[in-house]
Amino acid sequence: VETEYGNIGLGICYDIRFPEYSMILAKKFNCKLLCFPSDFSLPTGALHWNTLLKGRAVDCMSYVAGCQAARNVDEPDLFQAWGHSKVVTPWGKPLGTSGIKESIIYQDIDISEVDACRA
């Protein structure tokens, strides 16, 4: 997606597992922010979520926004999402993060940090 601030790459939760996909977005399309709406389960979220977000940010020298579904604690027999949406810098530093409840993260990002990281 082309914006006045820079290109934004979009994928889904499964796509974040493959560094090649993110690298194509970052290199070929010059995306400075990668967004992954996701619905990781409790086991895979606990094991992989933070690692994958940081990995893609560092691999691609881009900001990464992982937008996770909130957990449904009122109905424990239904699928339980991991939650914990997060924004990560191109250096792998976590910025804004949420818990397991429905919420919105407002996070300022500095696009020049992507250019500095890639230089």
PDB file of N, CA and C in Angstrom:
ATOM      1  N   VAL A   1       0.852  -1.169   0.000  1.00  0.00           N
ATOM      2  CA  VAL A   1       0.000   0.000   0.000  1.00  0.00           C
ATOM      3  C   VAL A   1       0.900   1.236   0.000  1.00  0.00           C
ATOM      4  N   GLU A   2       0.730   2.088  -0.991  1.00  0.00           N
ATOM      5  CA  GLU A   2       1.518   3.320  -1.063  1.00  0.00           C
ATOM      6  C   GLU A   2       0.823   4.407  -0.243  1.00  0.00           C
ATOM      7  N   THR A   3       1.583   5.064   0.638  1.00  0.00           N
ATOM      8  CA  THR A   3       1.055   6.178   1.425  1.00  0.00           C
ATOM      9  C   THR A   3       2.028   7.343   1.327  1.00  0.00           C
ATOM     10  N   GLU A   4       1.626   8.475   1.810  1.00  0.00           N
ATOM     11  CA  GLU A   4       2.509   9.647   1.810  1.00  0.00           C
ATOM     12  C   GLU A   4       3.695   9.471   2.761  1.00  0.00           C
ATOM     13  N   TYR A   5       3.612   8.518   3.683  1.00  0.00           N
ATOM     14  CA  TYR A   5       4.673   8.285   4.665  1.00  0.00           C
ATOM     15  C   TYR A   5       5.645   7.198   4.235  1.00  0.00           C
ATOM     16  N   GLY A   6       5.254   6.422   3.257  1.00  0.00           N
ATOM     17  CA  GLY A   6       6.063   5.301   2.796  1.00  0.00           C
ATOM     18  C   GLY A   6       5.163   4.115   2.511  1.00  0.00           C
ATOM     19  N   ASN A   7       5.731   3.085   1.932  1.00  0.00           N
ATOM     20  CA  ASN A   7       4.958   1.903   1.565  1.00  0.00           C
ATOM     21  C   ASN A   7       4.745   0.993   2.766  1.00  0.00           C
ATOM     22  N   ILE A   8       3.555   0.404   2.825  1.00  0.00           N
ATOM     23  CA  ILE A   8       3.192  -0.518   3.892  1.00  0.00           C
ATOM     24  C   ILE A   8       2.938  -1.881   3.258  1.00  0.00           C
ATOM     25  N   GLY A   9       3.619  -2.895   3.776  1.00  0.00           N
ATOM     26  CA  GLY A   9       3.425  -4.258   3.292  1.00  0.00           C
ATOM     27  C   GLY A   9       2.439  -4.994   4.175  1.00  0.00           C
ATOM     28  N   LEU A  10       1.562  -5.774   3.556  1.00  0.00           N
ATOM     29  CA  LEU A  10       0.539  -6.509   4.288  1.00  0.00           C
ATOM     30  C   LEU A  10       0.698  -8.007   4.088  1.00  0.00           C
ATOM     31  N   GLY A  11       0.459  -8.728   5.131  1.00  0.00           N
ATOM     32  CA  GLY A  11       0.452 -10.181   5.081  1.00  0.00           C
ATOM     33  C   GLY A  11      -0.553 -10.690   6.089  1.00  0.00           C
ATOM     34  N   ILE A  12      -0.650 -12.004   6.228  1.00  0.00           N
ATOM     35  CA  ILE A  12      -1.497 -12.588   7.261  1.00  0.00           C
ATOM     36  C   ILE A  12      -0.612 -13.328   8.248  1.00  0.00           C
ATOM     37  N   CYS A  13      -1.215 -13.877   9.274  1.00  0.00           N
ATOM     38  CA  CYS A  13      -0.436 -14.484  10.349  1.00  0.00           C
ATOM     39  C   CYS A  13       0.509 -15.580   9.847  1.00  0.00           C
ATOM     40  N   TYR A  14       0.068 -16.403   8.919  1.00  0.00           N
ATOM     41  CA  TYR A  14       0.924 -17.480   8.425  1.00  0.00           C
ATOM     42  C   TYR A  14       2.126 -16.934   7.668  1.00  0.00           C
ATOM     43  N   ASP A  15       1.953 -15.803   6.982  1.00  0.00           N
ATOM     44  CA  ASP A  15       3.030 -15.212   6.188  1.00  0.00           C
ATOM     45  C   ASP A  15       4.222 -14.782   7.034  1.00  0.00           C
ATOM     46  N   ILE A  16       3.987 -14.429   8.287  1.00  0.00           N
ATOM     47  CA  ILE A  16       5.087 -13.933   9.123  1.00  0.00           C
ATOM     48  C   ILE A  16       6.128 -15.022   9.388  1.00  0.00           C
ATOM     49  N   ARG A  17       5.760 -16.261   9.160  1.00  0.00           N
ATOM     50  CA  ARG A  17       6.691 -17.376   9.383  1.00  0.00           C
ATOM     51  C   ARG A  17       7.762 -17.486   8.295  1.00  0.00           C
ATOM     52  N   PHE A  18       7.555 -16.803   7.175  1.00  0.00           N
ATOM     53  CA  PHE A  18       8.457 -16.951   6.033  1.00  0.00           C
ATOM     54  C   PHE A  18       9.209 -15.649   5.792  1.00  0.00           C
ATOM     55  N   PRO A  19      10.487 -15.592   6.130  1.00  0.00           N
ATOM     56  CA  PRO A  19      11.244 -14.344   5.980  1.00  0.00           C
ATOM     57  C   PRO A  19      11.309 -13.866   4.532  1.00  0.00           C
ATOM     58  N   GLU A  20      11.272 -14.792   3.584  1.00  0.00           N
ATOM     59  CA  GLU A  20      11.374 -14.401   2.174  1.00  0.00           C
ATOM     60  C   GLU A  20      10.226 -13.478   1.755  1.00  0.00           C
ATOM     61  N   TYR A  21       9.030 -13.770   2.213  1.00  0.00           N
ATOM     62  CA  TYR A  21       7.868 -12.944   1.870  1.00  0.00           C
ATOM     63  C   TYR A  21       8.070 -11.517   2.361  1.00  0.00           C
ATOM     64  N   SER A  22       8.472 -11.388   3.609  1.00  0.00           N
ATOM     65  CA  SER A  22       8.694 -10.061   4.190  1.00  0.00           C
ATOM     66  C   SER A  22       9.840  -9.336   3.500  1.00  0.00           C
ATOM     67  N   MET A  23      10.885 -10.073   3.144  1.00  0.00           N
ATOM     68  CA  MET A  23      12.028  -9.450   2.477  1.00  0.00           C
ATOM     69  C   MET A  23      11.655  -8.921   1.095  1.00  0.00           C
ATOM     70  N   ILE A  24      10.793  -9.631   0.396  1.00  0.00           N
ATOM     71  CA  ILE A  24      10.314  -9.136  -0.912  1.00  0.00           C
ATOM     72  C   ILE A  24       9.564  -7.829  -0.708  1.00  0.00           C
ATOM     73  N   LEU A  25       8.694  -7.777   0.305  1.00  0.00           N
ATOM     74  CA  LEU A  25       7.961  -6.537   0.579  1.00  0.00           C
ATOM     75  C   LEU A  25       8.918  -5.392   0.896  1.00  0.00           C
ATOM     76  N   ALA A  26       9.932  -5.680   1.699  1.00  0.00           N
ATOM     77  CA  ALA A  26      10.873  -4.634   2.113  1.00  0.00           C
ATOM     78  C   ALA A  26      11.800  -4.207   0.985  1.00  0.00           C
ATOM     79  N   LYS A  27      12.328  -5.155   0.224  1.00  0.00           N
ATOM     80  CA  LYS A  27      13.313  -4.827  -0.806  1.00  0.00           C
ATOM     81  C   LYS A  27      12.689  -4.424  -2.136  1.00  0.00           C
ATOM     82  N   LYS A  28      11.803  -5.250  -2.652  1.00  0.00           N
ATOM     83  CA  LYS A  28      11.244  -4.979  -3.972  1.00  0.00           C
ATOM     84  C   LYS A  28      10.262  -3.802  -3.950  1.00  0.00           C
ATOM     85  N   PHE A  29       9.467  -3.707  -2.874  1.00  0.00           N
ATOM     86  CA  PHE A  29       8.437  -2.678  -2.806  1.00  0.00           C
ATOM     87  C   PHE A  29       8.782  -1.560  -1.824  1.00  0.00           C
ATOM     88  N   ASN A  30       9.990  -1.618  -1.239  1.00  0.00           N
ATOM     89  CA  ASN A  30      10.483  -0.591  -0.315  1.00  0.00           C
ATOM     90  C   ASN A  30       9.498  -0.309   0.823  1.00  0.00           C
ATOM     91  N   CYS A  31       8.909  -1.364   1.386  1.00  0.00           N
ATOM     92  CA  CYS A  31       7.976  -1.195   2.506  1.00  0.00           C
ATOM     93  C   CYS A  31       8.757  -0.896   3.781  1.00  0.00           C
ATOM     94  N   LYS A  32       8.329   0.111   4.478  1.00  0.00           N
ATOM     95  CA  LYS A  32       8.993   0.527   5.711  1.00  0.00           C
ATOM     96  C   LYS A  32       8.214   0.096   6.945  1.00  0.00           C
ATOM     97  N   LEU A  33       7.003  -0.378   6.723  1.00  0.00           N
ATOM     98  CA  LEU A  33       6.158  -0.941   7.781  1.00  0.00           C
ATOM     99  C   LEU A  33       5.514  -2.194   7.220  1.00  0.00           C
ATOM    100  N   LEU A  34       5.613  -3.288   7.967  1.00  0.00           N
ATOM    101  CA  LEU A  34       4.967  -4.540   7.596  1.00  0.00           C
ATOM    102  C   LEU A  34       3.886  -4.821   8.630  1.00  0.00           C
ATOM    103  N   CYS A  35       2.676  -5.111   8.163  1.00  0.00           N
ATOM    104  CA  CYS A  35       1.547  -5.366   9.058  1.00  0.00           C
ATOM    105  C   CYS A  35       1.051  -6.798   8.880  1.00  0.00           C
ATOM    106  N   PHE A  36       0.875  -7.476  10.002  1.00  0.00           N
ATOM    107  CA  PHE A  36       0.405  -8.849   9.978  1.00  0.00           C
ATOM    108  C   PHE A  36      -0.782  -9.022  10.918  1.00  0.00           C
ATOM    109  N   PRO A  37      -2.038  -8.890  10.405  1.00  0.00           N
ATOM    110  CA  PRO A  37      -3.185  -9.239  11.220  1.00  0.00           C
ATOM    111  C   PRO A  37      -3.114 -10.741  11.494  1.00  0.00           C
ATOM    112  N   SER A  38      -3.322 -11.136  12.755  1.00  0.00           N
ATOM    113  CA  SER A  38      -3.039 -12.519  13.132  1.00  0.00           C
ATOM    114  C   SER A  38      -4.033 -13.069  14.134  1.00  0.00           C
ATOM    115  N   ASP A  39      -4.034 -14.394  14.221  1.00  0.00           N
ATOM    116  CA  ASP A  39      -4.895 -15.107  15.155  1.00  0.00           C
ATOM    117  C   ASP A  39      -4.140 -16.331  15.670  1.00  0.00           C
ATOM    118  N   PHE A  40      -2.974 -16.092  16.259  1.00  0.00           N
ATOM    119  CA  PHE A  40      -2.181 -17.191  16.800  1.00  0.00           C
ATOM    120  C   PHE A  40      -2.914 -17.813  17.992  1.00  0.00           C
ATOM    121  N   SER A  41      -2.794 -19.110  18.145  1.00  0.00           N
ATOM    122  CA  SER A  41      -3.389 -19.813  19.285  1.00  0.00           C
ATOM    123  C   SER A  41      -2.523 -19.603  20.522  1.00  0.00           C
ATOM    124  N   LEU A  42      -3.009 -20.050  21.666  1.00  0.00           N
ATOM    125  CA  LEU A  42      -2.222 -19.908  22.901  1.00  0.00           C
ATOM    126  C   LEU A  42      -0.863 -20.607  22.806  1.00  0.00           C
ATOM    127  N   PRO A  43      -0.801 -21.875  22.372  1.00  0.00           N
ATOM    128  CA  PRO A  43       0.514 -22.528  22.318  1.00  0.00           C
ATOM    129  C   PRO A  43       1.476 -21.879  21.325  1.00  0.00           C
ATOM    130  N   THR A  44       1.019 -21.610  20.094  1.00  0.00           N
ATOM    131  CA  THR A  44       1.942 -21.038  19.113  1.00  0.00           C
ATOM    132  C   THR A  44       2.248 -19.579  19.422  1.00  0.00           C
ATOM    133  N   GLY A  45       1.297 -18.869  19.989  1.00  0.00           N
ATOM    134  CA  GLY A  45       1.554 -17.483  20.379  1.00  0.00           C
ATOM    135  C   GLY A  45       2.634 -17.394  21.444  1.00  0.00           C
ATOM    136  N   ALA A  46       2.510 -18.240  22.453  1.00  0.00           N
ATOM    137  CA  ALA A  46       3.497 -18.231  23.540  1.00  0.00           C
ATOM    138  C   ALA A  46       4.894 -18.576  23.040  1.00  0.00           C
ATOM    139  N   LEU A  47       4.979 -19.507  22.108  1.00  0.00           N
ATOM    140  CA  LEU A  47       6.285 -19.959  21.613  1.00  0.00           C
ATOM    141  C   LEU A  47       6.872 -19.084  20.514  1.00  0.00           C
ATOM    142  N   HIS A  48       6.039 -18.544  19.612  1.00  0.00           N
ATOM    143  CA  HIS A  48       6.558 -17.956  18.380  1.00  0.00           C
ATOM    144  C   HIS A  48       6.290 -16.472  18.167  1.00  0.00           C
ATOM    145  N   TRP A  49       5.239 -15.920  18.737  1.00  0.00           N
ATOM    146  CA  TRP A  49       4.776 -14.577  18.373  1.00  0.00           C
ATOM    147  C   TRP A  49       5.872 -13.525  18.480  1.00  0.00           C
ATOM    148  N   ASN A  50       6.448 -13.330  19.659  1.00  0.00           N
ATOM    149  CA  ASN A  50       7.470 -12.285  19.844  1.00  0.00           C
ATOM    150  C   ASN A  50       8.707 -12.541  18.994  1.00  0.00           C
ATOM    151  N   THR A  51       9.105 -13.791  18.904  1.00  0.00           N
ATOM    152  CA  THR A  51      10.290 -14.145  18.116  1.00  0.00           C
ATOM    153  C   THR A  51      10.090 -13.811  16.644  1.00  0.00           C
ATOM    154  N   LEU A  52       8.926 -14.146  16.099  1.00  0.00           N
ATOM    155  CA  LEU A  52       8.660 -13.872  14.689  1.00  0.00           C
ATOM    156  C   LEU A  52       8.560 -12.374  14.406  1.00  0.00           C
ATOM    157  N   LEU A  53       7.905 -11.625  15.277  1.00  0.00           N
ATOM    158  CA  LEU A  53       7.806 -10.176  15.076  1.00  0.00           C
ATOM    159  C   LEU A  53       9.190  -9.531  15.065  1.00  0.00           C
ATOM    160  N   LYS A  54      10.001  -9.856  16.053  1.00  0.00           N
ATOM    161  CA  LYS A  54      11.350  -9.288  16.116  1.00  0.00           C
ATOM    162  C   LYS A  54      12.197  -9.768  14.943  1.00  0.00           C
ATOM    163  N   GLY A  55      12.074 -11.035  14.599  1.00  0.00           N
ATOM    164  CA  GLY A  55      12.849 -11.582  13.490  1.00  0.00           C
ATOM    165  C   GLY A  55      12.560 -10.877  12.176  1.00  0.00           C
ATOM    166  N   ARG A  56      11.272 -10.691  11.863  1.00  0.00           N
ATOM    167  CA  ARG A  56      10.934 -10.012  10.612  1.00  0.00           C
ATOM    168  C   ARG A  56      11.364  -8.558  10.639  1.00  0.00           C
ATOM    169  N   ALA A  57      11.276  -7.897  11.771  1.00  0.00           N
ATOM    170  CA  ALA A  57      11.717  -6.503  11.852  1.00  0.00           C
ATOM    171  C   ALA A  57      13.212  -6.399  11.578  1.00  0.00           C
ATOM    172  N   VAL A  58      13.997  -7.265  12.199  1.00  0.00           N
ATOM    173  CA  VAL A  58      15.448  -7.237  12.025  1.00  0.00           C
ATOM    174  C   VAL A  58      15.848  -7.720  10.629  1.00  0.00           C
ATOM    175  N   ASP A  59      15.236  -8.810  10.157  1.00  0.00           N
ATOM    176  CA  ASP A  59      15.532  -9.333   8.810  1.00  0.00           C
ATOM    177  C   ASP A  59      15.334  -8.268   7.741  1.00  0.00           C
ATOM    178  N   CYS A  60      14.224  -7.531   7.851  1.00  0.00           N
ATOM    179  CA  CYS A  60      13.808  -6.614   6.787  1.00  0.00           C
ATOM    180  C   CYS A  60      14.144  -5.164   7.082  1.00  0.00           C
ATOM    181  N   MET A  61      14.688  -4.914   8.268  1.00  0.00           N
ATOM    182  CA  MET A  61      15.009  -3.545   8.680  1.00  0.00           C
ATOM    183  C   MET A  61      13.801  -2.644   8.452  1.00  0.00           C
ATOM    184  N   SER A  62      12.650  -3.101   8.950  1.00  0.00           N
ATOM    185  CA  SER A  62      11.379  -2.396   8.818  1.00  0.00           C
ATOM    186  C   SER A  62      10.657  -2.419  10.158  1.00  0.00           C
ATOM    187  N   TYR A  63       9.746  -1.493  10.325  1.00  0.00           N
ATOM    188  CA  TYR A  63       8.830  -1.609  11.449  1.00  0.00           C
ATOM    189  C   TYR A  63       7.898  -2.769  11.162  1.00  0.00           C
ATOM    190  N   VAL A  64       7.480  -3.467  12.208  1.00  0.00           N
ATOM    191  CA  VAL A  64       6.516  -4.555  12.074  1.00  0.00           C
ATOM    192  C   VAL A  64       5.401  -4.325  13.077  1.00  0.00           C
ATOM    193  N   ALA A  65       4.162  -4.384  12.585  1.00  0.00           N
ATOM    194  CA  ALA A  65       2.986  -4.309  13.450  1.00  0.00           C
ATOM    195  C   ALA A  65       2.289  -5.662  13.404  1.00  0.00           C
ATOM    196  N   GLY A  66       2.253  -6.317  14.535  1.00  0.00           N
ATOM    197  CA  GLY A  66       1.549  -7.590  14.657  1.00  0.00           C
ATOM    198  C   GLY A  66       0.222  -7.336  15.344  1.00  0.00           C
ATOM    199  N   CYS A  67      -0.847  -7.475  14.593  1.00  0.00           N
ATOM    200  CA  CYS A  67      -2.193  -7.148  15.081  1.00  0.00           C
ATOM    201  C   CYS A  67      -2.907  -8.451  15.419  1.00  0.00           C
ATOM    202  N   GLN A  68      -2.921  -8.813  16.678  1.00  0.00           N
ATOM    203  CA  GLN A  68      -3.456 -10.090  17.141  1.00  0.00           C
ATOM    204  C   GLN A  68      -4.912  -9.963  17.559  1.00  0.00           C
ATOM    205  N   ALA A  69      -5.676 -11.021  17.348  1.00  0.00           N
ATOM    206  CA  ALA A  69      -7.045 -11.086  17.862  1.00  0.00           C
ATOM    207  C   ALA A  69      -7.001 -11.136  19.388  1.00  0.00           C
ATOM    208  N   ALA A  70      -8.004 -10.537  20.017  1.00  0.00           N
ATOM    209  CA  ALA A  70      -8.096 -10.564  21.483  1.00  0.00           C
ATOM    210  C   ALA A  70      -8.556 -11.943  21.954  1.00  0.00           C
ATOM    211  N   ARG A  71      -8.268 -12.243  23.203  1.00  0.00           N
ATOM    212  CA  ARG A  71      -8.656 -13.526  23.783  1.00  0.00           C
ATOM    213  C   ARG A  71     -10.099 -13.452  24.289  1.00  0.00           C
ATOM    214  N   ASN A  72     -10.829 -14.532  24.140  1.00  0.00           N
ATOM    215  CA  ASN A  72     -12.216 -14.611  24.586  1.00  0.00           C
ATOM    216  C   ASN A  72     -12.275 -15.382  25.902  1.00  0.00           C
ATOM    217  N   VAL A  73     -11.949 -14.732  27.000  1.00  0.00           N
ATOM    218  CA  VAL A  73     -11.897 -15.414  28.297  1.00  0.00           C
ATOM    219  C   VAL A  73     -13.281 -15.753  28.836  1.00  0.00           C
ATOM    220  N   ASP A  74     -14.329 -15.119  28.303  1.00  0.00           N
ATOM    221  CA  ASP A  74     -15.692 -15.395  28.766  1.00  0.00           C
ATOM    222  C   ASP A  74     -16.230 -16.731  28.276  1.00  0.00           C
ATOM    223  N   GLU A  75     -15.626 -17.269  27.206  1.00  0.00           N
ATOM    224  CA  GLU A  75     -16.070 -18.549  26.651  1.00  0.00           C
ATOM    225  C   GLU A  75     -14.857 -19.449  26.430  1.00  0.00           C
ATOM    226  N   PRO A  76     -14.347 -20.044  27.528  1.00  0.00           N
ATOM    227  CA  PRO A  76     -13.093 -20.802  27.438  1.00  0.00           C
ATOM    228  C   PRO A  76     -13.146 -22.040  26.548  1.00  0.00           C
ATOM    229  N   ASP A  77     -14.341 -22.521  26.193  1.00  0.00           N
ATOM    230  CA  ASP A  77     -14.436 -23.696  25.327  1.00  0.00           C
ATOM    231  C   ASP A  77     -14.236 -23.350  23.853  1.00  0.00           C
ATOM    232  N   LEU A  78     -14.273 -22.061  23.522  1.00  0.00           N
ATOM    233  CA  LEU A  78     -14.039 -21.625  22.154  1.00  0.00           C
ATOM    234  C   LEU A  78     -12.544 -21.409  21.924  1.00  0.00           C
ATOM    235  N   PHE A  79     -12.166 -21.246  20.661  1.00  0.00           N
ATOM    236  CA  PHE A  79     -10.768 -20.974  20.318  1.00  0.00           C
ATOM    237  C   PHE A  79     -10.265 -19.763  21.110  1.00  0.00           C
ATOM    238  N   GLN A  80      -9.090 -19.876  21.646  1.00  0.00           N
ATOM    239  CA  GLN A  80      -8.487 -18.787  22.411  1.00  0.00           C
ATOM    240  C   GLN A  80      -7.284 -18.231  21.660  1.00  0.00           C
ATOM    241  N   ALA A  81      -7.390 -16.983  21.258  1.00  0.00           N
ATOM    242  CA  ALA A  81      -6.285 -16.315  20.567  1.00  0.00           C
ATOM    243  C   ALA A  81      -5.240 -15.873  21.581  1.00  0.00           C
ATOM    244  N   TRP A  82      -4.027 -15.718  21.120  1.00  0.00           N
ATOM    245  CA  TRP A  82      -2.916 -15.321  21.972  1.00  0.00           C
ATOM    246  C   TRP A  82      -3.030 -13.874  22.445  1.00  0.00           C
ATOM    247  N   GLY A  83      -3.515 -12.976  21.590  1.00  0.00           N
ATOM    248  CA  GLY A  83      -3.546 -11.558  21.971  1.00  0.00           C
ATOM    249  C   GLY A  83      -2.150 -10.965  21.837  1.00  0.00           C
ATOM    250  N   HIS A  84      -1.855  -9.948  22.614  1.00  0.00           N
ATOM    251  CA  HIS A  84      -0.516  -9.338  22.657  1.00  0.00           C
ATOM    252  C   HIS A  84      -0.100  -8.714  21.323  1.00  0.00           C
ATOM    253  N   SER A  85      -0.949  -7.844  20.773  1.00  0.00           N
ATOM    254  CA  SER A  85      -0.536  -7.092  19.586  1.00  0.00           C
ATOM    255  C   SER A  85       0.690  -6.263  19.924  1.00  0.00           C
ATOM    256  N   LYS A  86       1.492  -5.948  18.906  1.00  0.00           N
ATOM    257  CA  LYS A  86       2.768  -5.291  19.196  1.00  0.00           C
ATOM    258  C   LYS A  86       3.289  -4.560  17.977  1.00  0.00           C
ATOM    259  N   VAL A  87       4.049  -3.498  18.224  1.00  0.00           N
ATOM    260  CA  VAL A  87       4.802  -2.787  17.192  1.00  0.00           C
ATOM    261  C   VAL A  87       6.277  -2.937  17.539  1.00  0.00           C
ATOM    262  N   VAL A  88       7.090  -3.294  16.536  1.00  0.00           N
ATOM    263  CA  VAL A  88       8.526  -3.529  16.747  1.00  0.00           C
ATOM    264  C   VAL A  88       9.315  -2.635  15.795  1.00  0.00           C
ATOM    265  N   THR A  89      10.419  -2.056  16.283  1.00  0.00           N
ATOM    266  CA  THR A  89      11.270  -1.187  15.467  1.00  0.00           C
ATOM    267  C   THR A  89      12.126  -2.020  14.515  1.00  0.00           C
ATOM    268  N   PRO A  90      12.755  -1.364  13.526  1.00  0.00           N
ATOM    269  CA  PRO A  90      13.659  -2.092  12.621  1.00  0.00           C
ATOM    270  C   PRO A  90      14.856  -2.715  13.350  1.00  0.00           C
ATOM    271  N   TRP A  91      15.122  -2.269  14.551  1.00  0.00           N
ATOM    272  CA  TRP A  91      16.230  -2.805  15.352  1.00  0.00           C
ATOM    273  C   TRP A  91      15.772  -3.955  16.248  1.00  0.00           C
ATOM    274  N   GLY A  92      14.465  -4.282  16.208  1.00  0.00           N
ATOM    275  CA  GLY A  92      13.941  -5.378  17.018  1.00  0.00           C
ATOM    276  C   GLY A  92      13.444  -4.965  18.384  1.00  0.00           C
ATOM    277  N   LYS A  93      13.387  -3.667  18.642  1.00  0.00           N
ATOM    278  CA  LYS A  93      12.936  -3.175  19.947  1.00  0.00           C
ATOM    279  C   LYS A  93      11.409  -3.081  19.972  1.00  0.00           C
ATOM    280  N   PRO A  94      10.756  -3.738  20.950  1.00  0.00           N
ATOM    281  CA  PRO A  94       9.308  -3.620  21.057  1.00  0.00           C
ATOM    282  C   PRO A  94       8.912  -2.206  21.482  1.00  0.00           C
ATOM    283  N   LEU A  95       7.886  -1.675  20.825  1.00  0.00           N
ATOM    284  CA  LEU A  95       7.343  -0.367  21.201  1.00  0.00           C
ATOM    285  C   LEU A  95       6.010  -0.607  21.884  1.00  0.00           C
ATOM    286  N   GLY A  96       4.925  -0.145  21.268  1.00  0.00           N
ATOM    287  CA  GLY A  96       3.605  -0.345  21.854  1.00  0.00           C
ATOM    288  C   GLY A  96       3.224  -1.810  21.873  1.00  0.00           C
ATOM    289  N   THR A  97       2.555  -2.213  22.934  1.00  0.00           N
ATOM    290  CA  THR A  97       2.086  -3.592  23.047  1.00  0.00           C
ATOM    291  C   THR A  97       0.768  -3.611  23.801  1.00  0.00           C
ATOM    292  N   SER A  98      -0.030  -4.625  23.522  1.00  0.00           N
ATOM    293  CA  SER A  98      -1.302  -4.783  24.229  1.00  0.00           C
ATOM    294  C   SER A  98      -1.244  -6.052  25.056  1.00  0.00           C
ATOM    295  N   GLY A  99      -2.279  -6.246  25.825  1.00  0.00           N
ATOM    296  CA  GLY A  99      -2.417  -7.488  26.576  1.00  0.00           C
ATOM    297  C   GLY A  99      -3.300  -8.451  25.807  1.00  0.00           C
ATOM    298  N   ILE A 100      -4.135  -9.175  26.540  1.00  0.00           N
ATOM    299  CA  ILE A 100      -4.993 -10.164  25.900  1.00  0.00           C
ATOM    300  C   ILE A 100      -6.379  -9.619  25.573  1.00  0.00           C
ATOM    301  N   LYS A 101      -6.726  -8.467  26.135  1.00  0.00           N
ATOM    302  CA  LYS A 101      -8.053  -7.895  25.912  1.00  0.00           C
ATOM    303  C   LYS A 101      -8.088  -7.051  24.645  1.00  0.00           C
ATOM    304  N   GLU A 102      -9.290  -6.817  24.150  1.00  0.00           N
ATOM    305  CA  GLU A 102      -9.470  -5.959  22.978  1.00  0.00           C
ATOM    306  C   GLU A 102      -8.954  -4.561  23.297  1.00  0.00           C
ATOM    307  N   SER A 103      -8.106  -4.034  22.436  1.00  0.00           N
ATOM    308  CA  SER A 103      -7.529  -2.710  22.659  1.00  0.00           C
ATOM    309  C   SER A 103      -6.988  -2.166  21.344  1.00  0.00           C
ATOM    310  N   ILE A 104      -6.615  -0.904  21.386  1.00  0.00           N
ATOM    311  CA  ILE A 104      -6.005  -0.245  20.234  1.00  0.00           C
ATOM    312  C   ILE A 104      -4.649   0.286  20.677  1.00  0.00           C
ATOM    313  N   ILE A 105      -3.635   0.059  19.861  1.00  0.00           N
ATOM    314  CA  ILE A 105      -2.306   0.610  20.137  1.00  0.00           C
ATOM    315  C   ILE A 105      -2.118   1.835  19.253  1.00  0.00           C
ATOM    316  N   TYR A 106      -1.815   2.943  19.870  1.00  0.00           N
ATOM    317  CA  TYR A 106      -1.432   4.148  19.139  1.00  0.00           C
ATOM    318  C   TYR A 106       0.070   4.296  19.332  1.00  0.00           C
ATOM    319  N   GLN A 107       0.818   4.244  18.245  1.00  0.00           N
ATOM    320  CA  GLN A 107       2.267   4.293  18.364  1.00  0.00           C
ATOM    321  C   GLN A 107       2.850   5.170  17.266  1.00  0.00           C
ATOM    322  N   ASP A 108       3.583   6.195  17.658  1.00  0.00           N
ATOM    323  CA  ASP A 108       4.319   6.991  16.681  1.00  0.00           C
ATOM    324  C   ASP A 108       5.527   6.189  16.230  1.00  0.00           C
ATOM    325  N   ILE A 109       5.788   6.218  14.924  1.00  0.00           N
ATOM    326  CA  ILE A 109       6.989   5.583  14.403  1.00  0.00           C
ATOM    327  C   ILE A 109       7.764   6.616  13.591  1.00  0.00           C
ATOM    328  N   ASP A 110       9.060   6.449  13.581  1.00  0.00           N
ATOM    329  CA  ASP A 110       9.951   7.375  12.886  1.00  0.00           C
ATOM    330  C   ASP A 110      10.493   6.675  11.643  1.00  0.00           C
ATOM    331  N   ILE A 111       9.942   7.000  10.489  1.00  0.00           N
ATOM    332  CA  ILE A 111      10.333   6.351   9.232  1.00  0.00           C
ATOM    333  C   ILE A 111      11.822   6.543   8.944  1.00  0.00           C
ATOM    334  N   SER A 112      12.401   7.649   9.408  1.00  0.00           N
ATOM    335  CA  SER A 112      13.832   7.866   9.178  1.00  0.00           C
ATOM    336  C   SER A 112      14.667   6.810   9.897  1.00  0.00           C
ATOM    337  N   GLU A 113      14.113   6.162  10.904  1.00  0.00           N
ATOM    338  CA  GLU A 113      14.821   5.095  11.586  1.00  0.00           C
ATOM    339  C   GLU A 113      15.020   3.894  10.653  1.00  0.00           C
ATOM    340  N   VAL A 114      14.079   3.666   9.757  1.00  0.00           N
ATOM    341  CA  VAL A 114      14.216   2.593   8.763  1.00  0.00           C
ATOM    342  C   VAL A 114      15.386   2.920   7.843  1.00  0.00           C
ATOM    343  N   ASP A 115      15.429   4.155   7.348  1.00  0.00           N
ATOM    344  CA  ASP A 115      16.519   4.564   6.452  1.00  0.00           C
ATOM    345  C   ASP A 115      17.872   4.456   7.150  1.00  0.00           C
ATOM    346  N   ALA A 116      17.932   4.857   8.418  1.00  0.00           N
ATOM    347  CA  ALA A 116      19.189   4.777   9.179  1.00  0.00           C
ATOM    348  C   ALA A 116      19.611   3.325   9.373  1.00  0.00           C
ATOM    349  N   CYS A 117      18.658   2.465   9.642  1.00  0.00           N
ATOM    350  CA  CYS A 117      18.947   1.045   9.844  1.00  0.00           C
ATOM    351  C   CYS A 117      19.440   0.398   8.546  1.00  0.00           C
ATOM    352  N   ARG A 118      18.856   0.802   7.428  1.00  0.00           N
ATOM    353  CA  ARG A 118      19.208   0.220   6.126  1.00  0.00           C
ATOM    354  C   ARG A 118      20.488   0.803   5.525  1.00  0.00           C
ATOM    355  N   ALA A 119      20.959   1.917   6.080  1.00  0.00           N
ATOM    356  CA  ALA A 119      22.150   2.577   5.526  1.00  0.00           C
ATOM    357  C   ALA A 119      23.415   1.804   5.833  1.00  0.00           C
TER     358      ALA A 119
END
